[in-house]
Amino acid sequence: MDRIKHYYTAYGLTIGSEITLSYLKEIEPTQVDLTIRRGHLPPSPPWQETKLHRAGFYAQFAQEGPDRMWLNWPSLMGFMATGGNELVVDTRITDEGLLSLFTMSEAFGLLLVQKGYFLLHGGAIQLNNKGIVFVGEPGAGKSTTVAAFANRGVRIMSDDLVCIRVNEAGKPTLIPAFSQIKIWEKSVEGLQIARDGLDQVREGANKFSWHESVLFEENAVLLEQIFVLTAVNTSEEAISEVPKSRSPIELLSYFPLPDAILQGKSLKDHFEKSVAIASITPLYKLSRPANFVKLNEFVDYLITSLT
């Protein structure tokens, strides 16, 4: 406890951290669910290459069972997640913004997986007390879509890591992350978002963080719908429902962490959660709106249909 300098809340958890975590809600000192601290990492099993890419770097992954995982960004920083309770950060970097960026992305996701949450690579909003999720491949427009809703006063719940808890009754609940949307300059201009409320982020010279003026939903809500953003296609219906028999496999495609995590019991548990979610939550393919006018029309449509 003596090394804890900051107390935060995110993903429904209380966090005690030795490092500053930008954009998280800081709270008074309290009993914590997990800790984040600096330290030297013990030797890991052999590294495996991953598809994880952030700020120009690809990550490496290693594990000793589901409760001991390493994530390494060579020459930059390394992490070890243990039992869903502790994240150790090994780095010489002192830039707080960069530290926070890497800590609160895939590295923190390791803890969430260890705690039994179901994760998706996407963004989420709360609309009329219902949770709506947008997933897709990198560059599909997930953050831009979330920002379009935020620009209309809709509360956001996450951007990048979507966290879902499936309760004992099999009902999926959307867990709020923290108040931040990361968007490229083209989206800022297209959505006409005021720049005085944005900060530049380290992932790209033309990428911004929208934090201060965005509305954030702090309470968990039931998951209502999931949209898979696909390439622009004007020759087909913009929205089509995915058959429930195919939905679990579709959801597996958007796991945001190293694929090597999903093996043995971990794969079985993850697939069972995917089936539980797909059994009661409709999944739609959404052809990405061709321009910002079309995107705003989709925002109007969803706000109207769920009000």
Protein backbone atom coordinates (compact mmCIF):
# COMPACT_ATOMS: atom_id res chain seq x y z
CA MET A 1 0.00 0.00 0.00
CA ASP A 2 2.90 2.39 0.68
CA ARG A 3 3.80 2.41 -3.03
CA ILE A 4 0.29 3.36 -4.11
CA LYS A 5 0.20 7.04 -5.05
CA HIS A 6 -3.10 7.18 -6.92
CA TYR A 7 -6.53 5.60 -6.60
CA TYR A 8 -8.81 5.26 -9.61
CA THR A 9 -11.96 3.56 -10.79
CA ALA A 10 -12.42 1.95 -14.22
CA TYR A 11 -14.21 -1.14 -15.55
CA GLY A 12 -16.18 -1.33 -12.31
CA LEU A 13 -12.95 -1.87 -10.35
CA THR A 14 -11.00 0.19 -7.83
CA ILE A 15 -7.36 0.55 -8.81
CA GLY A 16 -4.35 1.44 -6.70
CA SER A 17 -1.50 2.66 -8.91
CA GLU A 18 2.08 3.75 -8.48
CA ILE A 19 1.93 5.51 -11.85
CA THR A 20 -0.36 8.26 -13.09
CA LEU A 21 -3.17 6.98 -15.32
CA SER A 22 -4.45 9.78 -17.53
CA TYR A 23 -8.20 10.11 -18.10
CA LEU A 24 -9.21 7.71 -15.31
CA LYS A 25 -11.48 8.99 -12.55
CA GLU A 26 -9.37 9.57 -9.44
CA ILE A 27 -10.97 8.65 -6.09
CA GLU A 28 -10.14 8.86 -2.40
CA PRO A 29 -7.83 6.17 -0.93
CA THR A 30 -9.77 2.94 -0.43
CA GLN A 31 -9.53 -0.84 -0.51
CA VAL A 32 -8.56 -1.80 -4.06
CA ASP A 33 -9.43 -4.64 -6.42
CA LEU A 34 -6.03 -4.56 -8.11
CA THR A 35 -2.70 -2.74 -8.07
CA ILE A 36 -0.39 -1.36 -10.74
CA ARG A 37 3.25 -0.83 -9.81
CA ARG A 38 6.71 -0.44 -11.27
CA GLY A 39 9.15 -3.32 -10.94
CA HIS A 40 11.57 -5.68 -12.66
CA LEU A 41 9.89 -8.61 -14.37
CA PRO A 42 11.05 -12.19 -13.77
CA PRO A 43 12.23 -14.21 -16.78
CA SER A 44 9.36 -15.21 -19.02
CA PRO A 45 8.69 -18.35 -21.05
CA PRO A 46 9.62 -18.05 -24.76
CA TRP A 47 8.08 -15.01 -26.40
CA GLN A 48 5.39 -15.35 -29.05
CA GLU A 49 4.85 -12.68 -31.68
CA THR A 50 1.40 -11.06 -31.74
CA LYS A 51 -0.73 -8.92 -34.04
CA LEU A 52 -1.00 -6.21 -31.37
CA HIS A 53 0.27 -2.92 -32.76
CA ARG A 54 0.44 0.36 -30.87
CA ALA A 55 2.37 3.59 -31.50
CA GLY A 56 4.53 1.90 -34.13
CA PHE A 57 5.41 -1.18 -32.05
CA TYR A 58 4.32 -4.82 -32.16
CA ALA A 59 3.94 -6.68 -28.86
CA GLN A 60 5.28 -10.04 -27.73
CA PHE A 61 3.38 -12.36 -25.39
CA ALA A 62 4.21 -15.17 -22.97
CA GLN A 63 2.33 -17.01 -20.24
CA GLU A 64 2.58 -19.63 -17.51
CA GLY A 65 -1.05 -20.68 -17.33
CA PRO A 66 -3.99 -18.27 -17.26
CA ASP A 67 -2.93 -16.47 -14.06
CA ARG A 68 0.57 -15.37 -15.09
CA MET A 69 0.95 -13.44 -18.35
CA TRP A 70 3.62 -11.21 -19.87
CA LEU A 71 3.19 -8.55 -22.56
CA ASN A 72 6.34 -6.98 -23.97
CA TRP A 73 6.82 -4.01 -26.26
CA PRO A 74 10.51 -4.47 -27.19
CA SER A 75 12.82 -1.59 -26.25
CA LEU A 76 9.87 0.27 -24.74
CA MET A 77 8.20 -1.45 -21.79
CA GLY A 78 7.04 -4.80 -20.46
CA PHE A 79 4.13 -5.92 -18.28
CA MET A 80 3.27 -8.92 -16.14
CA ALA A 81 -0.32 -9.60 -15.04
CA THR A 82 -0.85 -11.94 -12.12
CA GLY A 83 -4.14 -13.47 -11.03
CA GLY A 84 -6.19 -10.47 -12.10
CA ASN A 85 -4.85 -8.66 -9.03
CA GLU A 86 -1.54 -7.08 -9.99
CA LEU A 87 0.06 -5.50 -13.04
CA VAL A 88 3.82 -4.88 -12.89
CA VAL A 89 5.29 -2.33 -15.32
CA ASP A 90 8.98 -2.63 -16.25
CA THR A 91 10.27 0.43 -18.10
CA ARG A 92 12.67 3.34 -17.93
CA ILE A 93 10.16 5.61 -19.62
CA THR A 94 8.96 8.51 -17.49
CA ASP A 95 6.49 10.05 -19.97
CA GLU A 96 3.20 9.74 -18.05
CA GLY A 97 1.04 9.98 -21.16
CA LEU A 98 2.89 7.16 -22.92
CA LEU A 99 2.90 5.01 -19.78
CA SER A 100 -0.84 5.46 -19.34
CA LEU A 101 -1.53 4.74 -23.01
CA PHE A 102 0.20 1.35 -22.93
CA THR A 103 -0.91 0.41 -19.41
CA MET A 104 -4.61 1.02 -19.98
CA SER A 105 -4.79 -0.82 -23.31
CA GLU A 106 -3.96 -4.49 -23.86
CA ALA A 107 -1.87 -4.79 -20.68
CA PHE A 108 -4.86 -3.92 -18.49
CA GLY A 109 -6.93 -6.24 -20.66
CA LEU A 110 -4.85 -9.15 -19.36
CA LEU A 111 -6.14 -8.42 -15.84
CA LEU A 112 -9.73 -8.23 -17.09
CA VAL A 113 -9.44 -11.61 -18.82
CA GLN A 114 -7.93 -13.11 -15.67
CA LYS A 115 -10.94 -11.79 -13.76
CA GLY A 116 -13.28 -13.61 -16.14
CA TYR A 117 -14.60 -10.74 -18.27
CA PHE A 118 -15.42 -11.11 -21.97
CA LEU A 119 -13.52 -8.57 -24.07
CA LEU A 120 -14.07 -7.20 -27.56
CA HIS A 121 -12.01 -4.80 -29.66
CA GLY A 122 -14.47 -1.97 -30.15
CA GLY A 123 -16.35 0.92 -28.64
CA ALA A 124 -19.61 1.21 -26.72
CA ILE A 125 -22.33 3.71 -25.87
CA GLN A 126 -25.33 3.87 -23.54
CA LEU A 127 -28.56 4.75 -25.30
CA ASN A 128 -31.81 4.89 -23.33
CA ASN A 129 -30.20 2.77 -20.58
CA LYS A 130 -29.19 0.13 -23.12
CA GLY A 131 -25.67 -0.89 -24.06
CA ILE A 132 -24.70 -0.72 -27.75
CA VAL A 133 -21.35 -2.08 -28.96
CA PHE A 134 -19.47 -1.44 -32.22
CA VAL A 135 -16.71 -3.86 -33.25
CA GLY A 136 -14.65 -4.22 -36.39
CA GLU A 137 -11.19 -4.57 -37.87
CA PRO A 138 -8.62 -1.81 -37.27
CA GLY A 139 -9.63 1.25 -39.26
CA ALA A 140 -13.27 0.18 -39.56
CA GLY A 141 -14.47 3.38 -37.89
CA LYS A 142 -15.33 2.18 -34.39
CA SER A 143 -14.02 5.25 -32.56
CA THR A 144 -15.45 7.60 -35.17
CA THR A 145 -18.87 5.98 -34.76
CA VAL A 146 -18.71 6.31 -30.97
CA ALA A 147 -17.59 9.93 -31.37
CA ALA A 148 -20.53 10.66 -33.68
CA PHE A 149 -22.93 9.56 -30.94
CA ALA A 150 -20.98 11.47 -28.28
CA ASN A 151 -21.21 14.56 -30.46
CA ARG A 152 -25.00 14.27 -30.16
CA GLY A 153 -24.88 14.10 -26.37
CA VAL A 154 -25.05 10.30 -26.08
CA ARG A 155 -23.06 8.85 -23.18
CA ILE A 156 -20.05 6.72 -24.08
CA MET A 157 -18.97 3.60 -22.17
CA SER A 158 -15.69 2.59 -23.79
CA ASP A 159 -13.35 3.08 -26.70
CA ASP A 160 -10.84 0.37 -27.67
CA LEU A 161 -11.58 -2.30 -25.04
CA VAL A 162 -15.22 -3.34 -24.56
CA CYS A 163 -15.77 -5.22 -21.31
CA ILE A 164 -18.77 -7.53 -20.84
CA ARG A 165 -19.72 -9.53 -17.76
CA VAL A 166 -21.99 -12.55 -18.16
CA ASN A 167 -23.86 -13.19 -14.91
CA GLU A 168 -24.94 -16.55 -13.50
CA ALA A 169 -28.27 -16.25 -15.30
CA GLY A 170 -26.42 -15.84 -18.61
CA LYS A 171 -27.34 -12.17 -19.08
CA PRO A 172 -24.57 -9.97 -20.52
CA THR A 173 -23.86 -6.63 -18.87
CA LEU A 174 -21.76 -3.87 -20.41
CA ILE A 175 -19.14 -2.52 -17.98
CA PRO A 176 -18.04 1.14 -18.29
CA ALA A 177 -14.33 1.69 -18.98
CA PHE A 178 -13.22 5.33 -18.66
CA SER A 179 -14.00 8.65 -20.29
CA GLN A 180 -11.93 8.88 -23.46
CA ILE A 181 -12.36 8.62 -27.23
CA LYS A 182 -9.29 8.60 -29.50
CA ILE A 183 -10.02 9.93 -32.98
CA TRP A 184 -8.08 11.00 -36.04
CA GLU A 185 -8.03 14.57 -37.29
CA LYS A 186 -10.20 13.68 -40.31
CA SER A 187 -12.97 12.55 -37.94
CA VAL A 188 -12.59 15.66 -35.79
CA GLU A 189 -13.11 17.81 -38.88
CA GLY A 190 -15.88 15.65 -40.38
CA LEU A 191 -17.89 15.58 -37.15
CA GLN A 192 -17.12 19.26 -36.45
CA ILE A 193 -15.86 18.58 -32.93
CA ALA A 194 -14.45 21.64 -31.17
CA ARG A 195 -10.66 21.30 -30.93
CA ASP A 196 -10.40 23.24 -27.69
CA GLY A 197 -11.76 20.15 -25.92
CA LEU A 198 -9.17 17.78 -27.40
CA ASP A 199 -5.64 16.70 -26.46
CA GLN A 200 -3.09 15.31 -28.89
CA VAL A 201 -2.12 11.69 -28.17
CA ARG A 202 1.14 9.85 -28.74
CA GLU A 203 -0.19 7.23 -31.16
CA GLY A 204 -0.12 9.59 -34.10
CA ALA A 205 0.66 13.20 -34.93
CA ASN A 206 -2.91 13.67 -36.16
CA LYS A 207 -4.72 11.72 -33.44
CA PHE A 208 -6.61 13.33 -30.59
CA SER A 209 -8.13 12.39 -27.24
CA TRP A 210 -11.63 13.62 -26.47
CA HIS A 211 -12.09 13.50 -22.72
CA GLU A 212 -13.14 16.64 -20.86
CA SER A 213 -16.43 17.49 -22.58
CA VAL A 214 -17.59 13.99 -23.52
CA LEU A 215 -20.48 12.51 -21.51
CA PHE A 216 -19.58 9.23 -19.79
CA GLU A 217 -21.86 6.54 -18.36
CA GLU A 218 -20.47 5.36 -15.02
CA ASN A 219 -22.97 2.55 -14.39
CA ALA A 220 -23.15 -0.90 -15.95
CA VAL A 221 -26.10 -1.50 -18.29
CA LEU A 222 -27.59 -4.53 -19.99
CA LEU A 223 -26.14 -5.26 -23.42
CA GLU A 224 -28.76 -4.60 -26.10
CA GLN A 225 -27.08 -4.84 -29.53
CA ILE A 226 -23.72 -5.43 -31.19
CA PHE A 227 -22.82 -3.97 -34.60
CA VAL A 228 -19.95 -5.29 -36.72
CA LEU A 229 -18.66 -2.45 -38.90
CA THR A 230 -17.75 -3.64 -42.40
CA ALA A 231 -16.43 -1.98 -45.55
CA VAL A 232 -18.61 0.52 -47.39
CA ASN A 233 -21.01 -1.34 -49.69
CA THR A 234 -23.74 0.65 -51.42
CA SER A 235 -25.12 -2.35 -53.34
CA GLU A 236 -26.48 -4.19 -50.28
CA GLU A 237 -28.64 -3.40 -47.28
CA ALA A 238 -26.71 -1.21 -44.84
CA ILE A 239 -27.75 -3.32 -41.83
CA SER A 240 -28.23 -7.10 -41.81
CA GLU A 241 -28.65 -9.43 -38.83
CA VAL A 242 -26.12 -12.21 -38.35
CA PRO A 243 -27.78 -15.62 -37.78
CA LYS A 244 -27.49 -16.67 -34.14
CA SER A 245 -25.77 -19.88 -35.21
CA ARG A 246 -22.89 -17.83 -36.65
CA SER A 247 -22.74 -15.09 -34.02
CA PRO A 248 -20.44 -16.83 -31.48
CA ILE A 249 -17.75 -17.42 -34.11
CA GLU A 250 -18.16 -13.86 -35.38
CA LEU A 251 -17.54 -12.50 -31.87
CA LEU A 252 -14.38 -14.59 -31.49
CA SER A 253 -12.88 -12.61 -34.39
CA TYR A 254 -12.75 -9.45 -32.28
CA PHE A 255 -10.81 -10.72 -29.27
CA PRO A 256 -8.45 -7.77 -28.55
CA LEU A 257 -5.59 -9.64 -26.85
CA PRO A 258 -3.01 -12.20 -28.05
CA ASP A 259 -4.69 -15.23 -29.61
CA ALA A 260 -2.36 -17.50 -27.61
CA ILE A 261 -4.46 -16.74 -24.51
CA LEU A 262 -7.36 -18.68 -26.00
CA GLN A 263 -6.34 -22.28 -25.45
CA GLY A 264 -7.53 -25.11 -23.24
CA LYS A 265 -9.92 -24.06 -20.49
CA SER A 266 -9.52 -20.36 -21.37
CA LEU A 267 -10.78 -21.03 -24.90
CA LYS A 268 -13.67 -23.13 -23.58
CA ASP A 269 -14.72 -20.42 -21.10
CA HIS A 270 -14.42 -17.68 -23.71
CA PHE A 271 -16.48 -19.59 -26.27
CA GLU A 272 -19.18 -20.38 -23.70
CA LYS A 273 -19.47 -16.67 -22.89
CA SER A 274 -19.63 -15.91 -26.61
CA VAL A 275 -22.51 -18.39 -27.00
CA ALA A 276 -24.32 -16.93 -23.98
CA ILE A 277 -24.01 -13.40 -25.37
CA ALA A 278 -25.04 -14.38 -28.89
CA SER A 279 -28.07 -16.34 -27.66
CA ILE A 280 -29.86 -13.23 -26.37
CA THR A 281 -28.04 -10.27 -27.98
CA PRO A 282 -28.71 -9.53 -31.66
CA LEU A 283 -25.59 -9.10 -33.78
CA TYR A 284 -25.74 -6.97 -36.93
CA LYS A 285 -23.41 -6.34 -39.84
CA LEU A 286 -23.33 -2.61 -40.55
CA SER A 287 -21.88 -1.38 -43.82
CA ARG A 288 -19.77 1.57 -42.74
CA PRO A 289 -21.46 4.86 -43.68
CA ALA A 290 -19.78 6.24 -46.80
CA ASN A 291 -19.40 9.75 -45.40
CA PHE A 292 -20.13 11.84 -42.31
CA VAL A 293 -23.60 12.78 -43.55
CA LYS A 294 -24.51 9.09 -43.78
CA LEU A 295 -22.92 8.45 -40.38
CA ASN A 296 -25.08 11.13 -38.78
CA GLU A 297 -28.14 9.63 -40.47
CA PHE A 298 -27.30 6.29 -38.82
CA VAL A 299 -26.94 8.07 -35.47
CA ASP A 300 -30.41 9.58 -35.97
CA TYR A 301 -31.83 6.18 -36.88
CA LEU A 302 -30.45 4.39 -33.83
CA ILE A 303 -31.40 7.16 -31.40
CA THR A 304 -34.96 7.11 -32.77
CA SER A 305 -35.30 3.31 -32.83
CA LEU A 306 -34.13 2.87 -29.22
CA THR A 307 -36.03 5.78 -27.70
